[in-house]
């Protein structure tokens, strides 16, 4: 299993680089050519979400992206360090936070539409999105 780790400042201009690196590693790991656009779009959405969360919460830590090549799948993990607290309806901060939450939900909906195998975890320490795509089995050499 090979892993590539990418960390970048939470700036929108770095999302394009993350998409390009993810597509290159996905291609090398054997992800089908027809799926590479989905990989690029999903990584772009996940990284854009993380950048937005970092900026809106004043988090200076970098966004983390792990690109993991396994025997049967290629996985991407995007992590942020923005606090994800649940605010009830009409609770404190319902105005501005509600707008950010709807954008957040839209990004997650796009990712879910692009990726069959996606897992989202959030807590007060940050968030984590894991996306996976199957790779063809490696041909055995004689």
N, C-alpha and C. Protein backbone atom coordinates (compact mmCIF):
# COMPACT_ATOMS: atom_id res chain seq x y z
N UNK A 1 0.84 -1.17 0.00
CA UNK A 1 0.00 0.00 0.00
C UNK A 1 0.89 1.24 0.00
N UNK A 2 0.65 2.14 -0.94
CA UNK A 2 1.41 3.38 -1.04
C UNK A 2 0.49 4.55 -0.69
N UNK A 3 1.06 5.53 0.00
CA UNK A 3 0.29 6.70 0.38
C UNK A 3 1.05 7.96 0.00
N UNK A 4 0.33 8.91 -0.58
CA UNK A 4 0.88 10.23 -0.87
C UNK A 4 0.14 11.20 0.04
N UNK A 5 0.88 12.04 0.75
CA UNK A 5 0.25 13.02 1.62
C UNK A 5 0.50 14.40 1.06
N UNK A 6 -0.57 15.18 1.00
CA UNK A 6 -0.52 16.55 0.50
C UNK A 6 -1.10 17.45 1.57
N UNK A 7 -0.38 18.50 1.92
CA UNK A 7 -0.89 19.50 2.86
C UNK A 7 -0.76 20.85 2.18
N UNK A 8 -1.82 21.66 2.29
CA UNK A 8 -1.75 22.97 1.66
C UNK A 8 -2.47 24.02 2.51
N UNK A 9 -2.02 25.26 2.38
CA UNK A 9 -2.67 26.37 3.07
C UNK A 9 -4.09 26.46 2.59
N UNK A 10 -4.98 26.85 3.49
CA UNK A 10 -6.41 26.91 3.17
C UNK A 10 -6.72 28.11 2.28
N UNK A 11 -6.26 28.02 1.05
CA UNK A 11 -6.50 29.05 0.04
C UNK A 11 -7.11 28.40 -1.19
N UNK A 12 -8.14 29.03 -1.77
CA UNK A 12 -8.83 28.43 -2.91
C UNK A 12 -7.92 28.09 -4.09
N UNK A 13 -6.86 28.86 -4.29
CA UNK A 13 -5.99 28.59 -5.44
C UNK A 13 -5.22 27.28 -5.33
N UNK A 14 -5.14 26.71 -4.14
CA UNK A 14 -4.44 25.44 -3.98
C UNK A 14 -5.32 24.22 -4.27
N UNK A 15 -6.63 24.42 -4.37
CA UNK A 15 -7.54 23.31 -4.64
C UNK A 15 -7.25 22.70 -6.01
N UNK A 16 -6.94 23.52 -6.99
CA UNK A 16 -6.63 23.02 -8.34
C UNK A 16 -5.42 22.07 -8.30
N UNK A 17 -4.41 22.44 -7.55
CA UNK A 17 -3.23 21.58 -7.42
C UNK A 17 -3.60 20.24 -6.79
N UNK A 18 -4.43 20.27 -5.76
CA UNK A 18 -4.87 19.03 -5.12
C UNK A 18 -5.61 18.14 -6.12
N UNK A 19 -6.48 18.74 -6.96
CA UNK A 19 -7.20 17.97 -7.98
C UNK A 19 -6.24 17.32 -8.96
N UNK A 20 -5.24 18.07 -9.42
CA UNK A 20 -4.28 17.54 -10.39
C UNK A 20 -3.45 16.40 -9.80
N UNK A 21 -2.99 16.58 -8.58
CA UNK A 21 -2.19 15.54 -7.92
C UNK A 21 -3.05 14.29 -7.71
N UNK A 22 -4.29 14.46 -7.26
CA UNK A 22 -5.19 13.32 -7.03
C UNK A 22 -5.43 12.56 -8.32
N UNK A 23 -5.66 13.26 -9.41
CA UNK A 23 -5.90 12.59 -10.69
C UNK A 23 -4.66 11.83 -11.15
N UNK A 24 -3.49 12.40 -10.97
CA UNK A 24 -2.25 11.74 -11.38
C UNK A 24 -2.02 10.46 -10.57
N UNK A 25 -2.22 10.53 -9.26
CA UNK A 25 -2.01 9.35 -8.42
C UNK A 25 -3.09 8.31 -8.70
N UNK A 26 -4.32 8.75 -8.93
CA UNK A 26 -5.40 7.81 -9.26
C UNK A 26 -5.10 7.07 -10.56
N UNK A 27 -4.62 7.79 -11.56
CA UNK A 27 -4.27 7.17 -12.85
C UNK A 27 -3.17 6.14 -12.64
N UNK A 28 -2.15 6.51 -11.87
CA UNK A 28 -1.03 5.59 -11.61
C UNK A 28 -1.48 4.35 -10.85
N UNK A 29 -2.50 4.50 -9.99
CA UNK A 29 -2.94 3.36 -9.19
C UNK A 29 -3.90 2.45 -9.95
N UNK A 30 -4.29 2.85 -11.17
CA UNK A 30 -5.11 1.98 -11.99
C UNK A 30 -6.58 2.33 -12.06
N UNK A 31 -6.98 3.47 -11.51
CA UNK A 31 -8.38 3.89 -11.62
C UNK A 31 -8.69 4.08 -13.10
N UNK A 32 -9.86 3.60 -13.52
CA UNK A 32 -10.24 3.67 -14.93
C UNK A 32 -10.25 5.11 -15.41
N UNK A 33 -9.82 5.30 -16.64
CA UNK A 33 -9.73 6.63 -17.24
C UNK A 33 -11.08 7.35 -17.20
N UNK A 34 -12.16 6.62 -17.41
CA UNK A 34 -13.50 7.22 -17.42
C UNK A 34 -13.91 7.76 -16.05
N UNK A 35 -13.26 7.31 -14.99
CA UNK A 35 -13.62 7.70 -13.62
C UNK A 35 -12.77 8.89 -13.13
N UNK A 36 -11.72 9.22 -13.86
CA UNK A 36 -10.81 10.26 -13.39
C UNK A 36 -11.48 11.62 -13.24
N UNK A 37 -12.44 11.94 -14.09
CA UNK A 37 -13.16 13.21 -13.93
C UNK A 37 -13.93 13.24 -12.62
N UNK A 38 -14.53 12.10 -12.25
CA UNK A 38 -15.23 12.02 -10.98
C UNK A 38 -14.27 12.23 -9.81
N UNK A 39 -13.08 11.64 -9.91
CA UNK A 39 -12.07 11.81 -8.87
C UNK A 39 -11.71 13.29 -8.74
N UNK A 40 -11.44 13.94 -9.87
CA UNK A 40 -11.08 15.36 -9.85
C UNK A 40 -12.19 16.21 -9.22
N UNK A 41 -13.42 15.99 -9.66
CA UNK A 41 -14.54 16.77 -9.14
C UNK A 41 -14.77 16.54 -7.66
N UNK A 42 -14.72 15.29 -7.23
CA UNK A 42 -14.95 14.96 -5.82
C UNK A 42 -13.86 15.56 -4.94
N UNK A 43 -12.62 15.46 -5.36
CA UNK A 43 -11.52 16.04 -4.59
C UNK A 43 -11.66 17.55 -4.55
N UNK A 44 -12.03 18.14 -5.67
CA UNK A 44 -12.24 19.59 -5.70
C UNK A 44 -13.31 20.02 -4.72
N UNK A 45 -14.43 19.31 -4.68
CA UNK A 45 -15.52 19.64 -3.74
C UNK A 45 -15.06 19.47 -2.30
N UNK A 46 -14.40 18.36 -2.00
CA UNK A 46 -13.96 18.10 -0.62
C UNK A 46 -12.93 19.13 -0.17
N UNK A 47 -12.00 19.47 -1.04
CA UNK A 47 -10.97 20.45 -0.67
C UNK A 47 -11.55 21.86 -0.57
N UNK A 48 -12.47 22.20 -1.47
CA UNK A 48 -13.12 23.51 -1.40
C UNK A 48 -13.89 23.64 -0.10
N UNK A 49 -14.57 22.57 0.30
CA UNK A 49 -15.30 22.54 1.56
C UNK A 49 -14.35 22.76 2.73
N UNK A 50 -13.23 22.05 2.75
CA UNK A 50 -12.26 22.17 3.83
C UNK A 50 -11.67 23.58 3.88
N UNK A 51 -11.34 24.14 2.73
CA UNK A 51 -10.79 25.50 2.66
C UNK A 51 -11.81 26.48 3.23
N UNK A 52 -13.07 26.37 2.81
CA UNK A 52 -14.11 27.27 3.31
C UNK A 52 -14.30 27.16 4.81
N UNK A 53 -14.27 25.94 5.33
CA UNK A 53 -14.42 25.74 6.77
C UNK A 53 -13.25 26.35 7.54
N UNK A 54 -12.04 26.17 7.01
CA UNK A 54 -10.86 26.75 7.66
C UNK A 54 -10.96 28.27 7.66
N UNK A 55 -11.31 28.85 6.51
CA UNK A 55 -11.37 30.30 6.42
C UNK A 55 -12.47 30.88 7.30
N UNK A 56 -13.64 30.28 7.30
CA UNK A 56 -14.76 30.83 8.08
C UNK A 56 -14.58 30.65 9.58
N UNK A 57 -13.73 29.70 9.99
CA UNK A 57 -13.49 29.46 11.41
C UNK A 57 -12.14 29.99 11.88
N UNK A 58 -11.41 30.67 11.00
CA UNK A 58 -10.12 31.23 11.38
C UNK A 58 -9.07 30.20 11.71
N UNK A 59 -9.14 29.04 11.08
CA UNK A 59 -8.17 27.97 11.32
C UNK A 59 -6.96 28.17 10.41
N UNK A 60 -5.77 28.22 10.99
CA UNK A 60 -4.57 28.46 10.19
C UNK A 60 -3.86 27.17 9.79
N UNK A 61 -4.29 26.05 10.33
CA UNK A 61 -3.67 24.76 10.01
C UNK A 61 -3.92 24.42 8.53
N UNK A 62 -3.02 23.65 7.93
CA UNK A 62 -3.23 23.28 6.52
C UNK A 62 -4.33 22.23 6.36
N UNK A 63 -4.89 22.19 5.16
CA UNK A 63 -5.82 21.15 4.76
C UNK A 63 -4.99 19.92 4.46
N UNK A 64 -5.45 18.74 4.88
CA UNK A 64 -4.71 17.49 4.66
C UNK A 64 -5.42 16.62 3.63
N UNK A 65 -4.64 16.10 2.69
CA UNK A 65 -5.17 15.18 1.70
C UNK A 65 -4.27 13.96 1.66
N UNK A 66 -4.85 12.77 1.87
CA UNK A 66 -4.11 11.52 1.75
C UNK A 66 -4.63 10.78 0.52
N UNK A 67 -3.73 10.33 -0.33
CA UNK A 67 -4.04 9.55 -1.52
C UNK A 67 -3.48 8.16 -1.29
N UNK A 68 -4.35 7.19 -1.15
CA UNK A 68 -3.94 5.86 -0.71
C UNK A 68 -4.19 4.83 -1.81
N UNK A 69 -3.11 4.21 -2.26
CA UNK A 69 -3.20 3.15 -3.26
C UNK A 69 -3.19 1.81 -2.53
N UNK A 70 -4.23 1.03 -2.74
CA UNK A 70 -4.34 -0.28 -2.14
C UNK A 70 -4.46 -1.29 -3.27
N UNK A 71 -4.46 -2.58 -2.95
CA UNK A 71 -4.56 -3.61 -3.98
C UNK A 71 -5.86 -3.54 -4.77
N UNK A 72 -6.96 -3.30 -4.08
CA UNK A 72 -8.26 -3.36 -4.73
C UNK A 72 -8.97 -2.02 -4.85
N UNK A 73 -8.40 -0.96 -4.25
CA UNK A 73 -9.07 0.32 -4.32
C UNK A 73 -8.09 1.48 -4.18
N UNK A 74 -8.54 2.62 -4.62
CA UNK A 74 -7.83 3.88 -4.48
C UNK A 74 -8.69 4.76 -3.59
N UNK A 75 -8.11 5.29 -2.52
CA UNK A 75 -8.87 6.10 -1.57
C UNK A 75 -8.25 7.48 -1.43
N UNK A 76 -9.12 8.45 -1.18
CA UNK A 76 -8.69 9.81 -0.90
C UNK A 76 -9.34 10.23 0.41
N UNK A 77 -8.53 10.77 1.30
CA UNK A 77 -9.03 11.29 2.56
C UNK A 77 -8.70 12.77 2.63
N UNK A 78 -9.73 13.58 2.84
CA UNK A 78 -9.55 15.03 2.98
C UNK A 78 -9.94 15.39 4.40
N UNK A 79 -9.01 16.03 5.12
CA UNK A 79 -9.27 16.38 6.51
C UNK A 79 -9.16 17.87 6.75
N UNK A 80 -10.03 18.36 7.62
CA UNK A 80 -9.96 19.76 8.04
C UNK A 80 -9.88 19.79 9.56
N UNK A 81 -9.50 20.93 10.10
CA UNK A 81 -9.41 21.08 11.55
C UNK A 81 -10.40 22.11 12.07
N UNK A 82 -11.46 22.37 11.31
CA UNK A 82 -12.50 23.31 11.73
C UNK A 82 -13.47 22.60 12.66
N UNK A 83 -13.89 23.26 13.72
CA UNK A 83 -14.85 22.64 14.63
C UNK A 83 -16.21 22.46 13.95
N UNK A 84 -16.81 21.31 14.15
CA UNK A 84 -18.12 20.99 13.58
C UNK A 84 -19.09 20.77 14.73
N UNK A 85 -19.67 21.84 15.22
CA UNK A 85 -20.62 21.73 16.33
C UNK A 85 -22.03 21.71 15.76
N UNK A 86 -22.90 20.95 16.38
CA UNK A 86 -24.29 20.89 15.95
C UNK A 86 -25.06 22.02 16.62
N UNK A 87 -25.74 22.82 15.79
CA UNK A 87 -26.54 23.92 16.31
C UNK A 87 -28.00 23.60 16.00
N UNK A 88 -28.83 23.58 17.02
CA UNK A 88 -30.25 23.27 16.83
C UNK A 88 -30.97 24.39 16.10
N UNK A 89 -32.16 24.12 15.58
CA UNK A 89 -32.93 25.14 14.88
C UNK A 89 -33.20 26.32 15.78
N UNK A 90 -32.93 27.52 15.27
CA UNK A 90 -33.17 28.74 16.03
C UNK A 90 -32.18 28.96 17.15
N UNK A 91 -31.17 28.11 17.24
CA UNK A 91 -30.17 28.26 18.30
C UNK A 91 -29.21 29.38 17.99
N UNK A 92 -28.24 29.56 18.84
CA UNK A 92 -27.26 30.63 18.65
C UNK A 92 -26.55 30.46 17.33
N UNK A 93 -26.40 31.54 16.61
CA UNK A 93 -25.70 31.52 15.34
C UNK A 93 -26.49 30.91 14.21
N UNK A 94 -27.79 30.82 14.32
CA UNK A 94 -28.59 30.16 13.29
C UNK A 94 -28.57 30.90 11.97
N UNK A 95 -28.32 32.21 11.98
CA UNK A 95 -28.34 32.99 10.74
C UNK A 95 -27.16 32.71 9.83
N UNK A 96 -25.98 33.22 10.20
CA UNK A 96 -24.80 33.09 9.35
C UNK A 96 -24.37 31.63 9.24
N UNK A 97 -24.46 30.88 10.34
CA UNK A 97 -24.05 29.48 10.30
C UNK A 97 -24.96 28.66 9.40
N UNK A 98 -26.23 29.01 9.33
CA UNK A 98 -27.16 28.27 8.48
C UNK A 98 -26.77 28.39 7.02
N UNK A 99 -26.31 29.57 6.60
CA UNK A 99 -25.85 29.73 5.21
C UNK A 99 -24.63 28.86 4.95
N UNK A 100 -23.67 28.86 5.88
CA UNK A 100 -22.48 28.04 5.72
C UNK A 100 -22.81 26.56 5.73
N UNK A 101 -23.76 26.18 6.58
CA UNK A 101 -24.15 24.78 6.65
C UNK A 101 -24.83 24.33 5.37
N UNK A 102 -25.64 25.20 4.74
CA UNK A 102 -26.31 24.79 3.51
C UNK A 102 -25.29 24.62 2.39
N UNK A 103 -24.26 25.47 2.34
CA UNK A 103 -23.19 25.30 1.35
C UNK A 103 -22.43 24.00 1.63
N UNK A 104 -22.19 23.74 2.90
CA UNK A 104 -21.50 22.52 3.32
C UNK A 104 -22.31 21.29 2.89
N UNK A 105 -23.61 21.31 3.14
CA UNK A 105 -24.47 20.20 2.76
C UNK A 105 -24.51 20.02 1.24
N UNK A 106 -24.50 21.13 0.50
CA UNK A 106 -24.51 21.05 -0.96
C UNK A 106 -23.24 20.37 -1.46
N UNK A 107 -22.09 20.75 -0.89
CA UNK A 107 -20.84 20.12 -1.29
C UNK A 107 -20.83 18.63 -0.99
N UNK A 108 -21.36 18.26 0.17
CA UNK A 108 -21.43 16.83 0.52
C UNK A 108 -22.38 16.08 -0.39
N UNK A 109 -23.47 16.74 -0.81
CA UNK A 109 -24.41 16.10 -1.74
C UNK A 109 -23.76 15.86 -3.10
N UNK A 110 -22.97 16.82 -3.55
CA UNK A 110 -22.26 16.65 -4.83
C UNK A 110 -21.28 15.49 -4.73
N UNK A 111 -20.52 15.44 -3.63
CA UNK A 111 -19.56 14.34 -3.44
C UNK A 111 -20.28 13.00 -3.42
N UNK A 112 -21.39 12.92 -2.69
CA UNK A 112 -22.16 11.67 -2.62
C UNK A 112 -22.70 11.25 -3.98
N UNK A 113 -23.01 12.22 -4.82
CA UNK A 113 -23.47 11.91 -6.17
C UNK A 113 -22.36 11.42 -7.09
N UNK A 114 -21.13 11.81 -6.80
CA UNK A 114 -19.99 11.42 -7.63
C UNK A 114 -19.34 10.12 -7.19
N UNK A 115 -19.38 9.84 -5.90
CA UNK A 115 -18.63 8.72 -5.33
C UNK A 115 -19.59 7.73 -4.67
N UNK A 116 -19.50 6.47 -5.07
CA UNK A 116 -20.35 5.44 -4.47
C UNK A 116 -19.94 5.12 -3.03
N UNK A 117 -18.64 5.10 -2.77
CA UNK A 117 -18.13 4.74 -1.46
C UNK A 117 -17.55 5.98 -0.78
N UNK A 118 -18.37 6.65 0.02
CA UNK A 118 -17.93 7.87 0.71
C UNK A 118 -18.34 7.80 2.17
N UNK A 119 -17.46 8.30 3.04
CA UNK A 119 -17.70 8.30 4.47
C UNK A 119 -17.32 9.68 5.01
N UNK A 120 -18.22 10.29 5.78
CA UNK A 120 -17.98 11.61 6.34
C UNK A 120 -18.06 11.51 7.86
N UNK A 121 -17.03 12.03 8.52
CA UNK A 121 -17.01 12.07 9.98
C UNK A 121 -16.66 13.49 10.40
N UNK A 122 -17.40 14.01 11.38
CA UNK A 122 -17.10 15.34 11.90
C UNK A 122 -17.26 15.33 13.42
N UNK A 123 -16.48 16.20 14.06
CA UNK A 123 -16.61 16.43 15.49
C UNK A 123 -16.03 17.80 15.79
N UNK A 124 -15.90 18.11 17.08
CA UNK A 124 -15.40 19.44 17.45
C UNK A 124 -13.94 19.66 17.06
N UNK A 125 -13.21 18.62 16.74
CA UNK A 125 -11.80 18.74 16.37
C UNK A 125 -11.58 18.86 14.86
N UNK A 126 -12.62 18.63 14.07
CA UNK A 126 -12.47 18.74 12.63
C UNK A 126 -13.30 17.72 11.89
N UNK A 127 -13.09 17.67 10.59
CA UNK A 127 -13.86 16.76 9.75
C UNK A 127 -12.95 15.90 8.89
N UNK A 128 -13.54 14.85 8.35
CA UNK A 128 -12.78 13.88 7.59
C UNK A 128 -13.71 13.27 6.54
N UNK A 129 -13.33 13.37 5.29
CA UNK A 129 -14.09 12.75 4.21
C UNK A 129 -13.20 11.70 3.56
N UNK A 130 -13.69 10.47 3.48
CA UNK A 130 -12.95 9.38 2.82
C UNK A 130 -13.77 8.92 1.63
N UNK A 131 -13.12 8.92 0.46
CA UNK A 131 -13.76 8.50 -0.79
C UNK A 131 -12.92 7.38 -1.39
N UNK A 132 -13.57 6.36 -1.95
CA UNK A 132 -12.84 5.22 -2.51
C UNK A 132 -13.39 4.83 -3.86
N UNK A 133 -12.50 4.39 -4.73
CA UNK A 133 -12.86 3.88 -6.05
C UNK A 133 -12.16 2.54 -6.25
N UNK A 134 -12.80 1.60 -6.90
CA UNK A 134 -12.16 0.30 -7.16
C UNK A 134 -11.07 0.42 -8.21
N UNK A 135 -10.08 -0.42 -8.08
CA UNK A 135 -9.03 -0.51 -9.09
C UNK A 135 -9.00 -1.95 -9.60
N UNK A 136 -8.66 -2.12 -10.87
CA UNK A 136 -8.61 -3.49 -11.39
C UNK A 136 -7.48 -4.28 -10.71
N UNK A 137 -7.69 -5.56 -10.55
CA UNK A 137 -6.63 -6.38 -9.94
C UNK A 137 -5.38 -6.35 -10.81
N UNK A 138 -4.25 -6.34 -10.18
CA UNK A 138 -2.99 -6.34 -10.93
C UNK A 138 -2.77 -7.68 -11.61
N UNK A 139 -2.37 -7.60 -12.83
CA UNK A 139 -2.13 -8.82 -13.60
C UNK A 139 -0.87 -9.50 -13.05
N UNK A 140 -0.95 -10.78 -12.87
CA UNK A 140 0.20 -11.54 -12.42
C UNK A 140 1.13 -11.81 -13.59
N UNK A 141 2.38 -11.52 -13.36
CA UNK A 141 3.37 -11.75 -14.41
C UNK A 141 3.82 -13.21 -14.39
N UNK A 142 4.06 -13.81 -15.56
CA UNK A 142 4.49 -15.21 -15.59
C UNK A 142 5.88 -15.39 -15.05
